[in-house]
Amino acid sequence: MDPNQKADYVFKVVLIGDSAVGKSQILARFARDEFSLDSKATIGVEFQTRTLVLERKSVKAQIWDTAGQERYRAVTSAYYRGAVGALLVYDITKRQTFEHIPRWLEELRGHADKNIVIMLVGNKCDLEDERAVATEDAKEFAEKEGLFFLETSALNATNVETAFITVLTEIFNIVNKKTLAAAEDQSNGNSASLAGKKIVVPGPAQEIPSKSGCCGSS
């Protein structure tokens, strides 16, 4: 795609979860297909973009990453503003990071649009021997809260692409339904444009992908 061409849609997706669960590595893997063993802790906020084509429309994903440490929590309201998707990340080898997920989810739902599309992500599934969080526990929590769920490995790229594509496709489908509804409204002079408008995601429209879990490590 021509880099100068304007994207049809821009979707803001936020990464949240405890420090050192691999949020920045997941972002680097998705945005640049990179992984760094000596990744430094994120200070404050950073974001990267990647443009994809979904059903012949160009979709620019604007992925925001924040530090998981408590002292950076002041960024919350601005960080979540306008987000239509979120990856809620924990480390499968650190039980505490999973136990903090309800608190992160509460914060997300307190600051973001209540219908935001959310994917629960159990990262570092290449470290199966060190697993401290059973896949079934996370799947059960995701089903109870109406979240998508996948286990990923930023190290060997397992499911990272799938996690983002699932969230972005869900948002895209919801926006398309809104566009169709808006087109139908035009007959009575209600020409609704999505440009610059807040996207409201009807929920809970999430279903757990059938292929959840980690498909082997290399």
N, C-alpha and C. Protein backbone atom coordinates (compact mmCIF):
# COMPACT_ATOMS: atom_id res chain seq x y z
N MET A 1 0.84 -1.18 0.00
CA MET A 1 0.00 0.00 0.00
C MET A 1 0.88 1.24 0.00
N ASP A 2 0.45 2.26 -0.71
CA ASP A 2 1.18 3.52 -0.76
C ASP A 2 1.23 4.13 0.64
N PRO A 3 2.45 4.37 1.17
CA PRO A 3 2.56 4.91 2.54
C PRO A 3 1.92 6.28 2.70
N ASN A 4 1.78 7.02 1.58
CA ASN A 4 1.19 8.35 1.66
C ASN A 4 -0.34 8.31 1.61
N GLN A 5 -0.87 7.15 1.29
CA GLN A 5 -2.32 7.02 1.20
C GLN A 5 -2.93 7.04 2.59
N LYS A 6 -4.02 7.78 2.72
CA LYS A 6 -4.69 7.88 4.03
C LYS A 6 -5.44 6.58 4.31
N ALA A 7 -5.31 6.10 5.54
CA ALA A 7 -6.00 4.87 5.92
C ALA A 7 -7.51 5.11 5.97
N ASP A 8 -8.27 4.07 5.64
CA ASP A 8 -9.73 4.18 5.72
C ASP A 8 -10.19 4.29 7.17
N TYR A 9 -9.51 3.58 8.05
CA TYR A 9 -9.85 3.59 9.47
C TYR A 9 -8.58 3.66 10.30
N VAL A 10 -8.66 4.31 11.45
CA VAL A 10 -7.58 4.28 12.44
C VAL A 10 -8.18 3.78 13.75
N PHE A 11 -7.65 2.67 14.25
CA PHE A 11 -8.16 2.10 15.50
C PHE A 11 -7.08 2.17 16.57
N LYS A 12 -7.40 2.76 17.68
CA LYS A 12 -6.46 2.83 18.80
C LYS A 12 -6.67 1.61 19.70
N VAL A 13 -5.58 0.88 19.93
CA VAL A 13 -5.62 -0.31 20.78
C VAL A 13 -4.58 -0.13 21.88
N VAL A 14 -4.97 -0.39 23.13
CA VAL A 14 -4.05 -0.20 24.25
C VAL A 14 -3.58 -1.54 24.81
N LEU A 15 -2.34 -1.56 25.28
CA LEU A 15 -1.78 -2.74 25.95
C LEU A 15 -1.71 -2.43 27.44
N ILE A 16 -2.31 -3.28 28.27
CA ILE A 16 -2.23 -3.06 29.71
C ILE A 16 -1.89 -4.35 30.44
N GLY A 17 -1.41 -4.20 31.66
CA GLY A 17 -0.99 -5.35 32.46
C GLY A 17 0.23 -4.97 33.29
N ASP A 18 0.63 -5.86 34.17
CA ASP A 18 1.76 -5.59 35.05
C ASP A 18 3.05 -5.36 34.26
N SER A 19 4.02 -4.76 34.94
CA SER A 19 5.34 -4.56 34.35
C SER A 19 6.00 -5.93 34.10
N ALA A 20 6.78 -6.02 33.02
CA ALA A 20 7.59 -7.20 32.70
C ALA A 20 6.80 -8.43 32.25
N VAL A 21 5.53 -8.23 31.86
CA VAL A 21 4.78 -9.38 31.32
C VAL A 21 5.03 -9.55 29.82
N GLY A 22 5.69 -8.55 29.21
CA GLY A 22 6.05 -8.66 27.80
C GLY A 22 5.21 -7.80 26.86
N LYS A 23 4.57 -6.75 27.40
CA LYS A 23 3.71 -5.89 26.56
C LYS A 23 4.52 -5.25 25.43
N SER A 24 5.68 -4.70 25.76
CA SER A 24 6.49 -4.04 24.73
C SER A 24 7.00 -5.03 23.70
N GLN A 25 7.29 -6.26 24.14
CA GLN A 25 7.76 -7.29 23.21
C GLN A 25 6.65 -7.73 22.27
N ILE A 26 5.43 -7.81 22.80
CA ILE A 26 4.28 -8.15 21.96
C ILE A 26 4.08 -7.06 20.91
N LEU A 27 4.21 -5.81 21.34
CA LEU A 27 4.06 -4.68 20.41
C LEU A 27 5.15 -4.72 19.34
N ALA A 28 6.40 -4.94 19.76
CA ALA A 28 7.52 -4.97 18.80
C ALA A 28 7.35 -6.12 17.80
N ARG A 29 6.84 -7.24 18.28
CA ARG A 29 6.64 -8.41 17.41
C ARG A 29 5.56 -8.10 16.37
N PHE A 30 4.48 -7.46 16.81
CA PHE A 30 3.38 -7.17 15.88
C PHE A 30 3.73 -6.03 14.92
N ALA A 31 4.30 -4.95 15.46
CA ALA A 31 4.53 -3.75 14.64
C ALA A 31 5.74 -3.89 13.72
N ARG A 32 6.80 -4.57 14.22
CA ARG A 32 8.05 -4.63 13.44
C ARG A 32 8.58 -6.05 13.26
N ASP A 33 7.88 -7.04 13.79
CA ASP A 33 8.33 -8.42 13.77
C ASP A 33 9.72 -8.55 14.38
N GLU A 34 9.89 -7.91 15.54
CA GLU A 34 11.17 -7.93 16.26
C GLU A 34 10.98 -8.48 17.67
N PHE A 35 12.07 -9.00 18.22
CA PHE A 35 12.07 -9.42 19.63
C PHE A 35 13.46 -9.13 20.17
N SER A 36 13.52 -8.47 21.33
CA SER A 36 14.81 -8.14 21.92
C SER A 36 14.90 -8.73 23.32
N LEU A 37 15.94 -9.52 23.57
CA LEU A 37 16.10 -10.13 24.89
C LEU A 37 16.46 -9.12 25.96
N ASP A 38 17.06 -7.99 25.56
CA ASP A 38 17.47 -7.00 26.57
C ASP A 38 16.56 -5.77 26.56
N SER A 39 15.26 -6.03 26.34
CA SER A 39 14.29 -4.93 26.32
C SER A 39 14.27 -4.22 27.66
N LYS A 40 14.29 -2.87 27.61
CA LYS A 40 14.26 -2.08 28.84
C LYS A 40 12.80 -1.77 29.19
N ALA A 41 12.57 -1.50 30.47
CA ALA A 41 11.21 -1.16 30.91
C ALA A 41 10.75 0.11 30.21
N THR A 42 9.48 0.11 29.80
CA THR A 42 8.90 1.29 29.16
C THR A 42 8.71 2.37 30.22
N ILE A 43 9.13 3.59 29.88
CA ILE A 43 8.93 4.72 30.79
C ILE A 43 7.81 5.57 30.20
N GLY A 44 6.72 5.71 30.95
CA GLY A 44 5.62 6.51 30.43
C GLY A 44 4.85 5.76 29.36
N VAL A 45 4.66 6.42 28.21
CA VAL A 45 3.83 5.86 27.14
C VAL A 45 4.53 5.95 25.80
N GLU A 46 4.36 4.93 24.97
CA GLU A 46 4.82 5.01 23.59
C GLU A 46 3.81 4.30 22.72
N PHE A 47 3.79 4.64 21.43
CA PHE A 47 2.89 3.88 20.56
C PHE A 47 3.54 3.66 19.20
N GLN A 48 3.09 2.63 18.53
CA GLN A 48 3.56 2.30 17.19
C GLN A 48 2.35 1.99 16.33
N THR A 49 2.55 2.10 15.03
CA THR A 49 1.43 1.83 14.13
C THR A 49 1.79 0.74 13.13
N ARG A 50 0.77 0.08 12.66
CA ARG A 50 0.92 -0.86 11.57
C ARG A 50 -0.38 -0.83 10.77
N THR A 51 -0.25 -0.76 9.45
CA THR A 51 -1.43 -0.70 8.60
C THR A 51 -1.69 -2.06 7.96
N LEU A 52 -2.94 -2.50 8.06
CA LEU A 52 -3.35 -3.78 7.51
C LEU A 52 -4.48 -3.56 6.53
N VAL A 53 -4.76 -4.56 5.72
CA VAL A 53 -5.91 -4.48 4.82
C VAL A 53 -6.92 -5.53 5.26
N LEU A 54 -8.12 -5.06 5.62
CA LEU A 54 -9.21 -5.95 6.01
C LEU A 54 -10.37 -5.71 5.03
N GLU A 55 -10.75 -6.75 4.32
CA GLU A 55 -11.84 -6.65 3.34
C GLU A 55 -11.66 -5.44 2.42
N ARG A 56 -10.49 -5.34 1.86
CA ARG A 56 -10.11 -4.30 0.88
C ARG A 56 -10.11 -2.88 1.46
N LYS A 57 -10.19 -2.76 2.77
CA LYS A 57 -10.08 -1.44 3.41
C LYS A 57 -8.77 -1.38 4.18
N SER A 58 -8.11 -0.22 4.13
CA SER A 58 -6.87 -0.10 4.90
C SER A 58 -7.20 0.34 6.33
N VAL A 59 -6.66 -0.41 7.27
CA VAL A 59 -6.90 -0.15 8.70
C VAL A 59 -5.56 0.11 9.37
N LYS A 60 -5.41 1.30 9.91
CA LYS A 60 -4.18 1.62 10.64
C LYS A 60 -4.41 1.31 12.11
N ALA A 61 -3.64 0.38 12.64
CA ALA A 61 -3.71 0.06 14.07
C ALA A 61 -2.70 0.95 14.79
N GLN A 62 -3.19 1.72 15.74
CA GLN A 62 -2.32 2.58 16.55
C GLN A 62 -2.25 1.91 17.92
N ILE A 63 -1.13 1.22 18.18
CA ILE A 63 -1.01 0.41 19.40
C ILE A 63 -0.24 1.18 20.47
N TRP A 64 -0.87 1.40 21.60
CA TRP A 64 -0.27 2.15 22.71
C TRP A 64 0.24 1.20 23.78
N ASP A 65 1.43 1.50 24.27
CA ASP A 65 2.07 0.68 25.30
C ASP A 65 2.43 1.58 26.47
N THR A 66 2.16 1.13 27.67
CA THR A 66 2.48 1.93 28.85
C THR A 66 3.28 1.11 29.84
N ALA A 67 3.96 1.79 30.72
CA ALA A 67 4.67 1.10 31.80
C ALA A 67 3.65 0.51 32.74
N GLY A 68 3.93 -0.69 33.25
CA GLY A 68 2.99 -1.33 34.18
C GLY A 68 3.20 -0.90 35.62
N GLN A 69 4.29 -0.15 35.89
CA GLN A 69 4.57 0.23 37.28
C GLN A 69 3.54 1.21 37.81
N GLU A 70 3.27 1.10 39.11
CA GLU A 70 2.26 1.93 39.74
C GLU A 70 2.52 3.43 39.54
N ARG A 71 3.78 3.84 39.56
CA ARG A 71 4.04 5.28 39.57
C ARG A 71 3.67 5.96 38.26
N TYR A 72 3.40 5.19 37.21
CA TYR A 72 3.02 5.79 35.93
C TYR A 72 1.52 5.75 35.70
N ARG A 73 0.76 5.40 36.74
CA ARG A 73 -0.68 5.23 36.56
C ARG A 73 -1.40 6.55 36.29
N ALA A 74 -0.72 7.68 36.50
CA ALA A 74 -1.35 8.97 36.25
C ALA A 74 -1.71 9.17 34.78
N VAL A 75 -1.15 8.35 33.91
CA VAL A 75 -1.42 8.53 32.46
C VAL A 75 -2.80 8.00 32.08
N THR A 76 -3.47 7.30 32.99
CA THR A 76 -4.64 6.51 32.60
C THR A 76 -5.67 7.18 31.72
N SER A 77 -6.27 8.29 32.15
CA SER A 77 -7.41 8.79 31.39
C SER A 77 -7.05 9.14 29.95
N ALA A 78 -5.90 9.81 29.75
CA ALA A 78 -5.48 10.15 28.39
C ALA A 78 -5.09 8.89 27.62
N TYR A 79 -4.50 7.95 28.32
CA TYR A 79 -4.06 6.71 27.68
C TYR A 79 -5.24 5.93 27.10
N TYR A 80 -6.31 5.85 27.86
CA TYR A 80 -7.47 5.06 27.43
C TYR A 80 -8.41 5.81 26.48
N ARG A 81 -8.30 7.13 26.44
CA ARG A 81 -9.25 7.92 25.66
C ARG A 81 -9.22 7.53 24.18
N GLY A 82 -10.39 7.23 23.64
CA GLY A 82 -10.48 6.92 22.21
C GLY A 82 -10.11 5.49 21.85
N ALA A 83 -9.71 4.69 22.85
CA ALA A 83 -9.32 3.31 22.55
C ALA A 83 -10.56 2.48 22.22
N VAL A 84 -10.48 1.70 21.13
CA VAL A 84 -11.60 0.83 20.75
C VAL A 84 -11.25 -0.65 20.94
N GLY A 85 -9.97 -0.90 21.30
CA GLY A 85 -9.54 -2.27 21.56
C GLY A 85 -8.48 -2.29 22.64
N ALA A 86 -8.34 -3.44 23.31
CA ALA A 86 -7.32 -3.56 24.37
C ALA A 86 -6.82 -4.99 24.45
N LEU A 87 -5.50 -5.11 24.70
CA LEU A 87 -4.91 -6.40 25.03
C LEU A 87 -4.53 -6.34 26.51
N LEU A 88 -5.12 -7.25 27.28
CA LEU A 88 -4.91 -7.32 28.72
C LEU A 88 -3.93 -8.46 28.96
N VAL A 89 -2.67 -8.12 29.29
CA VAL A 89 -1.59 -9.11 29.24
C VAL A 89 -1.10 -9.54 30.63
N TYR A 90 -0.92 -10.86 30.80
CA TYR A 90 -0.28 -11.40 32.00
C TYR A 90 0.80 -12.38 31.55
N ASP A 91 1.64 -12.79 32.48
CA ASP A 91 2.74 -13.71 32.21
C ASP A 91 2.34 -15.08 32.76
N ILE A 92 2.28 -16.10 31.91
CA ILE A 92 1.80 -17.42 32.37
C ILE A 92 2.73 -18.04 33.43
N THR A 93 3.96 -17.51 33.56
CA THR A 93 4.89 -18.06 34.55
C THR A 93 4.84 -17.31 35.89
N LYS A 94 4.05 -16.23 35.96
CA LYS A 94 3.96 -15.44 37.20
C LYS A 94 2.50 -15.31 37.60
N ARG A 95 2.09 -16.12 38.56
CA ARG A 95 0.69 -16.17 38.98
C ARG A 95 0.15 -14.80 39.40
N GLN A 96 1.00 -14.01 40.05
CA GLN A 96 0.57 -12.70 40.55
C GLN A 96 0.09 -11.80 39.41
N THR A 97 0.75 -11.89 38.24
CA THR A 97 0.36 -11.02 37.12
C THR A 97 -1.04 -11.36 36.63
N PHE A 98 -1.43 -12.64 36.78
CA PHE A 98 -2.79 -13.06 36.41
C PHE A 98 -3.78 -12.61 37.48
N GLU A 99 -3.37 -12.68 38.74
CA GLU A 99 -4.25 -12.28 39.84
C GLU A 99 -4.54 -10.77 39.80
N HIS A 100 -3.67 -10.00 39.16
CA HIS A 100 -3.89 -8.56 39.04
C HIS A 100 -4.82 -8.21 37.87
N ILE A 101 -5.12 -9.17 37.01
CA ILE A 101 -5.93 -8.90 35.82
C ILE A 101 -7.30 -8.28 36.15
N PRO A 102 -8.03 -8.78 37.16
CA PRO A 102 -9.32 -8.15 37.47
C PRO A 102 -9.20 -6.65 37.78
N ARG A 103 -8.10 -6.28 38.45
CA ARG A 103 -7.90 -4.86 38.77
C ARG A 103 -7.65 -4.05 37.50
N TRP A 104 -6.84 -4.61 36.60
CA TRP A 104 -6.59 -3.92 35.33
C TRP A 104 -7.88 -3.80 34.52
N LEU A 105 -8.68 -4.86 34.54
CA LEU A 105 -9.93 -4.86 33.78
C LEU A 105 -10.88 -3.81 34.35
N GLU A 106 -10.91 -3.70 35.67
CA GLU A 106 -11.76 -2.70 36.32
C GLU A 106 -11.32 -1.29 35.92
N GLU A 107 -10.00 -1.07 35.90
CA GLU A 107 -9.48 0.24 35.50
C GLU A 107 -9.81 0.54 34.05
N LEU A 108 -9.62 -0.46 33.19
CA LEU A 108 -9.92 -0.31 31.77
C LEU A 108 -11.39 0.06 31.57
N ARG A 109 -12.27 -0.68 32.25
CA ARG A 109 -13.70 -0.41 32.09
C ARG A 109 -14.12 0.91 32.73
N GLY A 110 -13.32 1.37 33.69
CA GLY A 110 -13.62 2.65 34.33
C GLY A 110 -13.23 3.84 33.47
N HIS A 111 -12.21 3.67 32.62
CA HIS A 111 -11.70 4.79 31.83
C HIS A 111 -12.06 4.73 30.35
N ALA A 112 -12.17 3.51 29.80
CA ALA A 112 -12.41 3.37 28.36
C ALA A 112 -13.90 3.24 28.09
N ASP A 113 -14.25 3.25 26.81
CA ASP A 113 -15.64 3.01 26.43
C ASP A 113 -16.05 1.64 26.95
N LYS A 114 -17.25 1.55 27.51
CA LYS A 114 -17.64 0.29 28.16
C LYS A 114 -17.74 -0.87 27.17
N ASN A 115 -17.85 -0.58 25.88
CA ASN A 115 -17.98 -1.64 24.88
C ASN A 115 -16.68 -1.93 24.12
N ILE A 116 -15.56 -1.50 24.68
CA ILE A 116 -14.26 -1.74 24.05
C ILE A 116 -14.05 -3.25 23.83
N VAL A 117 -13.41 -3.62 22.72
CA VAL A 117 -13.13 -5.03 22.41
C VAL A 117 -11.86 -5.44 23.17
N ILE A 118 -11.97 -6.45 24.02
CA ILE A 118 -10.84 -6.82 24.90
C ILE A 118 -10.38 -8.26 24.66
N MET A 119 -9.08 -8.43 24.55
CA MET A 119 -8.45 -9.74 24.42
C MET A 119 -7.58 -9.99 25.65
N LEU A 120 -7.86 -11.06 26.39
CA LEU A 120 -6.99 -11.48 27.49
C LEU A 120 -5.85 -12.28 26.88
N VAL A 121 -4.61 -11.90 27.22
CA VAL A 121 -3.44 -12.54 26.61
C VAL A 121 -2.52 -13.12 27.68
N GLY A 122 -2.30 -14.43 27.63
CA GLY A 122 -1.33 -15.08 28.50
C GLY A 122 -0.02 -15.19 27.74
N ASN A 123 0.92 -14.31 28.04
CA ASN A 123 2.18 -14.27 27.28
C ASN A 123 3.24 -15.22 27.86
N LYS A 124 4.26 -15.48 27.06
CA LYS A 124 5.41 -16.33 27.41
C LYS A 124 5.04 -17.82 27.44
N CYS A 125 4.14 -18.24 26.54
CA CYS A 125 3.73 -19.65 26.53
C CYS A 125 4.83 -20.57 26.00
N ASP A 126 5.96 -19.99 25.58
CA ASP A 126 7.11 -20.83 25.22
C ASP A 126 7.76 -21.41 26.49
N LEU A 127 7.46 -20.80 27.65
CA LEU A 127 8.05 -21.26 28.92
C LEU A 127 7.10 -22.23 29.63
N GLU A 128 6.65 -23.24 28.91
CA GLU A 128 5.66 -24.20 29.44
C GLU A 128 6.13 -24.87 30.73
N ASP A 129 7.43 -25.14 30.83
CA ASP A 129 7.96 -25.80 32.03
C ASP A 129 7.83 -24.94 33.29
N GLU A 130 7.70 -23.62 33.09
CA GLU A 130 7.60 -22.70 34.23
C GLU A 130 6.17 -22.21 34.45
N ARG A 131 5.21 -22.82 33.76
CA ARG A 131 3.82 -22.35 33.82
C ARG A 131 3.29 -22.31 35.25
N ALA A 132 2.67 -21.17 35.60
CA ALA A 132 2.08 -21.02 36.94
C ALA A 132 0.58 -20.71 36.83
N VAL A 133 0.11 -20.46 35.60
CA VAL A 133 -1.31 -20.16 35.37
C VAL A 133 -1.86 -21.16 34.37
N ALA A 134 -2.80 -21.98 34.80
CA ALA A 134 -3.40 -22.98 33.90
C ALA A 134 -4.22 -22.28 32.82
N THR A 135 -4.12 -22.80 31.60
CA THR A 135 -4.90 -22.25 30.48
C THR A 135 -6.39 -22.22 30.83
N GLU A 136 -6.87 -23.28 31.48
CA GLU A 136 -8.29 -23.38 31.81
C GLU A 136 -8.74 -22.26 32.76
N ASP A 137 -7.85 -21.87 33.71
CA ASP A 137 -8.19 -20.79 34.64
C ASP A 137 -8.44 -19.49 33.88
N ALA A 138 -7.54 -19.21 32.94
CA ALA A 138 -7.64 -17.96 32.17
C ALA A 138 -8.85 -18.01 31.24
N LYS A 139 -9.07 -19.17 30.63
CA LYS A 139 -10.20 -19.33 29.71
C LYS A 139 -11.52 -19.12 30.46
N GLU A 140 -11.59 -19.67 31.66
CA GLU A 140 -12.80 -19.54 32.49
C GLU A 140 -13.05 -18.07 32.85
N PHE A 141 -11.97 -17.36 33.22
CA PHE A 141 -12.10 -15.94 33.57
C PHE A 141 -12.56 -15.15 32.35
N ALA A 142 -11.96 -15.44 31.17
CA ALA A 142 -12.30 -14.72 29.94
C ALA A 142 -13.77 -14.93 29.58
N GLU A 143 -14.24 -16.17 29.71
CA GLU A 143 -15.64 -16.48 29.39
C GLU A 143 -16.59 -15.74 30.34
N LYS A 144 -16.22 -15.72 31.61
CA LYS A 144 -17.05 -15.05 32.63
C LYS A 144 -17.17 -13.55 32.34
N GLU A 145 -16.06 -12.95 31.87
CA GLU A 145 -16.02 -11.50 31.65
C GLU A 145 -16.35 -11.10 30.21
N GLY A 146 -16.59 -12.09 29.34
CA GLY A 146 -16.91 -11.78 27.94
C GLY A 146 -15.73 -11.27 27.14
N LEU A 147 -14.54 -11.85 27.38
CA LEU A 147 -13.32 -11.42 26.69
C LEU A 147 -12.88 -12.48 25.67
N PHE A 148 -12.16 -12.04 24.66
CA PHE A 148 -11.43 -13.00 23.83
C PHE A 148 -10.27 -13.51 24.68
N PHE A 149 -9.69 -14.66 24.32
CA PHE A 149 -8.54 -15.17 25.06
C PHE A 149 -7.60 -15.95 24.14
N LEU A 150 -6.30 -15.68 24.28
CA LEU A 150 -5.26 -16.44 23.59
C LEU A 150 -4.02 -16.47 24.46
N GLU A 151 -3.22 -17.52 24.30
CA GLU A 151 -1.89 -17.52 24.89
C GLU A 151 -0.90 -17.23 23.76
N THR A 152 0.09 -16.42 24.07
CA THR A 152 1.04 -15.97 23.04
C THR A 152 2.48 -16.19 23.49
N SER A 153 3.38 -16.10 22.53
CA SER A 153 4.81 -16.01 22.82
C SER A 153 5.40 -14.95 21.92
N ALA A 154 5.81 -13.82 22.52
CA ALA A 154 6.47 -12.79 21.72
C ALA A 154 7.83 -13.31 21.24
N LEU A 155 8.43 -14.23 22.02
CA LEU A 155 9.74 -14.78 21.67
C LEU A 155 9.68 -15.54 20.35
N ASN A 156 8.74 -16.49 20.23
CA ASN A 156 8.68 -17.26 18.98
C ASN A 156 7.50 -16.88 18.09
N ALA A 157 6.85 -15.76 18.42
CA ALA A 157 5.77 -15.16 17.60
C ALA A 157 4.45 -15.92 17.63
N THR A 158 4.32 -16.92 18.47
CA THR A 158 3.08 -17.68 18.55
C THR A 158 1.89 -16.79 18.92
N ASN A 159 0.87 -16.80 18.05
CA ASN A 159 -0.42 -16.15 18.31
C ASN A 159 -0.40 -14.63 18.47
N VAL A 160 0.75 -13.97 18.35
CA VAL A 160 0.78 -12.51 18.51
C VAL A 160 -0.04 -11.85 17.40
N GLU A 161 0.24 -12.25 16.18
CA GLU A 161 -0.50 -11.72 15.03
C GLU A 161 -2.01 -12.02 15.20
N THR A 162 -2.32 -13.25 15.57
CA THR A 162 -3.71 -13.67 15.71
C THR A 162 -4.44 -12.82 16.75
N ALA A 163 -3.77 -12.53 17.86
CA ALA A 163 -4.40 -11.74 18.93
C ALA A 163 -4.80 -10.35 18.42
N PHE A 164 -3.88 -9.67 17.76
CA PHE A 164 -4.17 -8.33 17.24
C PHE A 164 -5.21 -8.37 16.13
N ILE A 165 -5.04 -9.32 15.19
CA ILE A 165 -5.96 -9.41 14.05
C ILE A 165 -7.38 -9.71 14.54
N THR A 166 -7.52 -10.57 15.56
CA THR A 166 -8.84 -10.89 16.10
C THR A 166 -9.52 -9.64 16.63
N VAL A 167 -8.79 -8.86 17.42
CA VAL A 167 -9.34 -7.63 18.00
C VAL A 167 -9.67 -6.62 16.90
N LEU A 168 -8.75 -6.41 15.97
CA LEU A 168 -8.96 -5.42 14.91
C LEU A 168 -10.11 -5.81 13.99
N THR A 169 -10.23 -7.11 13.69
CA THR A 169 -11.31 -7.58 12.82
C THR A 169 -12.65 -7.39 13.50
N GLU A 170 -12.70 -7.67 14.81
CA GLU A 170 -13.95 -7.48 15.56
C GLU A 170 -14.37 -6.01 15.52
N ILE A 171 -13.41 -5.10 15.76
CA ILE A 171 -13.71 -3.66 15.72
C ILE A 171 -14.18 -3.27 14.32
N PHE A 172 -13.46 -3.76 13.31
CA PHE A 172 -13.77 -3.45 11.91
C PHE A 172 -15.19 -3.88 11.55
N ASN A 173 -15.57 -5.09 11.97
CA ASN A 173 -16.92 -5.60 11.67
C ASN A 173 -18.00 -4.75 12.33
N ILE A 174 -17.72 -4.33 13.56
CA ILE A 174 -18.68 -3.49 14.29
C ILE A 174 -18.83 -2.14 13.61
N VAL A 175 -17.71 -1.54 13.19
CA VAL A 175 -17.75 -0.25 12.51
C VAL A 175 -18.49 -0.37 11.18
N ASN A 176 -18.26 -1.48 10.46
CA ASN A 176 -18.95 -1.69 9.19
C ASN A 176 -20.46 -1.79 9.38
N LYS A 177 -20.88 -2.45 10.46
CA LYS A 177 -22.32 -2.55 10.74
C LYS A 177 -22.88 -1.16 11.00
N LYS A 178 -22.10 -0.33 11.71
CA LYS A 178 -22.55 1.05 11.97
C LYS A 178 -22.66 1.83 10.67
N THR A 179 -21.71 1.61 9.75
CA THR A 179 -21.71 2.32 8.48
C THR A 179 -22.96 1.94 7.67
N LEU A 180 -23.30 0.65 7.69
CA LEU A 180 -24.49 0.18 6.97
C LEU A 180 -25.75 0.80 7.58
N ALA A 181 -25.79 0.83 8.91
CA ALA A 181 -26.95 1.42 9.58
C ALA A 181 -27.06 2.90 9.25
N ALA A 182 -25.89 3.57 9.19
CA ALA A 182 -25.88 5.01 8.87
C ALA A 182 -26.37 5.23 7.45
N ALA A 183 -25.98 4.34 6.52
CA ALA A 183 -26.40 4.47 5.13
C ALA A 183 -27.92 4.33 5.02
N GLU A 184 -28.48 3.44 5.82
CA GLU A 184 -29.93 3.25 5.81
C GLU A 184 -30.64 4.50 6.35
N ASP A 185 -29.98 5.17 7.29
CA ASP A 185 -30.57 6.39 7.87
C ASP A 185 -30.58 7.55 6.91
N GLN A 186 -29.74 7.48 5.86
CA GLN A 186 -29.63 8.60 4.93
C GLN A 186 -30.96 8.86 4.21
N SER A 187 -31.78 7.85 4.10
CA SER A 187 -33.05 8.01 3.41
C SER A 187 -33.94 9.06 4.09
N ASN A 188 -33.76 9.23 5.40
CA ASN A 188 -34.54 10.28 6.06
C ASN A 188 -33.66 11.48 6.41
N GLY A 189 -32.65 11.71 5.58
CA GLY A 189 -31.82 12.90 5.71
C GLY A 189 -30.83 12.88 6.85
N ASN A 190 -30.64 11.71 7.44
CA ASN A 190 -29.70 11.59 8.55
C ASN A 190 -28.37 11.08 8.06
N SER A 191 -27.63 11.86 7.33
CA SER A 191 -26.35 11.40 6.78
C SER A 191 -25.31 11.36 7.89
N ALA A 192 -25.06 10.17 8.42
CA ALA A 192 -24.13 10.03 9.55
C ALA A 192 -22.75 9.64 9.04
N SER A 193 -21.77 10.45 9.36
CA SER A 193 -20.39 10.13 8.96
C SER A 193 -19.63 9.63 10.17
N LEU A 194 -18.79 8.61 9.96
CA LEU A 194 -18.00 8.08 11.08
C LEU A 194 -16.77 8.95 11.34
N ALA A 195 -16.44 9.82 10.40
CA ALA A 195 -15.22 10.60 10.53
C ALA A 195 -15.24 11.43 11.81
N GLY A 196 -14.23 11.23 12.62
CA GLY A 196 -14.08 12.04 13.83
C GLY A 196 -15.08 11.71 14.92
N LYS A 197 -15.87 10.66 14.72
CA LYS A 197 -16.85 10.30 15.75
C LYS A 197 -16.33 9.17 16.61
N LYS A 198 -16.82 9.15 17.82
CA LYS A 198 -16.43 8.08 18.73
C LYS A 198 -17.10 6.79 18.26
N ILE A 199 -16.32 5.74 18.18
CA ILE A 199 -16.87 4.46 17.75
C ILE A 199 -17.43 3.75 18.98
N VAL A 200 -18.71 3.47 18.97
CA VAL A 200 -19.30 2.75 20.08
C VAL A 200 -19.45 1.29 19.68
N VAL A 201 -18.82 0.44 20.43
CA VAL A 201 -18.80 -0.98 20.10
C VAL A 201 -19.90 -1.69 20.88
N PRO A 202 -20.91 -2.23 20.17
CA PRO A 202 -21.95 -2.95 20.91
C PRO A 202 -21.40 -4.21 21.54
N GLY A 203 -21.77 -4.48 22.76
CA GLY A 203 -21.19 -5.66 23.41
C GLY A 203 -22.24 -6.34 24.26
N PRO A 204 -21.96 -7.50 24.82
CA PRO A 204 -20.69 -8.19 24.54
C PRO A 204 -20.79 -9.02 23.27
N ALA A 205 -20.04 -8.62 22.24
CA ALA A 205 -20.11 -9.35 20.97
C ALA A 205 -18.95 -10.31 20.86
N GLN A 206 -18.19 -10.44 21.97
CA GLN A 206 -16.99 -11.25 21.91
C GLN A 206 -17.27 -12.73 22.09
N GLU A 207 -16.56 -13.52 21.32
CA GLU A 207 -16.60 -14.96 21.53
C GLU A 207 -15.15 -15.42 21.64
N ILE A 208 -14.95 -16.45 22.41
CA ILE A 208 -13.59 -16.96 22.58
C ILE A 208 -13.19 -17.67 21.30
N PRO A 209 -12.04 -17.31 20.69
CA PRO A 209 -11.61 -18.03 19.48
C PRO A 209 -11.47 -19.52 19.79
N SER A 210 -11.88 -20.35 18.86
CA SER A 210 -11.87 -21.79 19.11
C SER A 210 -10.46 -22.32 19.32
N LYS A 211 -9.49 -21.69 18.65
CA LYS A 211 -8.12 -22.17 18.79
C LYS A 211 -7.40 -21.38 19.87
N SER A 212 -7.91 -21.42 21.08
CA SER A 212 -7.20 -20.74 22.15
C SER A 212 -6.12 -21.68 22.68
N GLY A 213 -5.22 -21.10 23.41
CA GLY A 213 -4.10 -21.91 23.90
C GLY A 213 -2.89 -21.72 23.02
N CYS A 214 -1.78 -22.30 23.45
CA CYS A 214 -0.52 -22.10 22.77
C CYS A 214 -0.20 -23.31 21.91
N CYS A 215 0.10 -23.06 20.66
CA CYS A 215 0.31 -24.20 19.76
C CYS A 215 1.78 -24.58 19.69
N GLY A 216 2.29 -25.06 20.79
CA GLY A 216 3.67 -25.61 20.77
C GLY A 216 4.73 -24.54 20.76
N SER A 217 5.85 -24.84 21.35
CA SER A 217 6.96 -23.87 21.37
C SER A 217 8.12 -24.44 20.57
N SER A 218 8.91 -23.50 20.07
CA SER A 218 10.04 -23.95 19.27
C SER A 218 11.31 -23.90 20.09
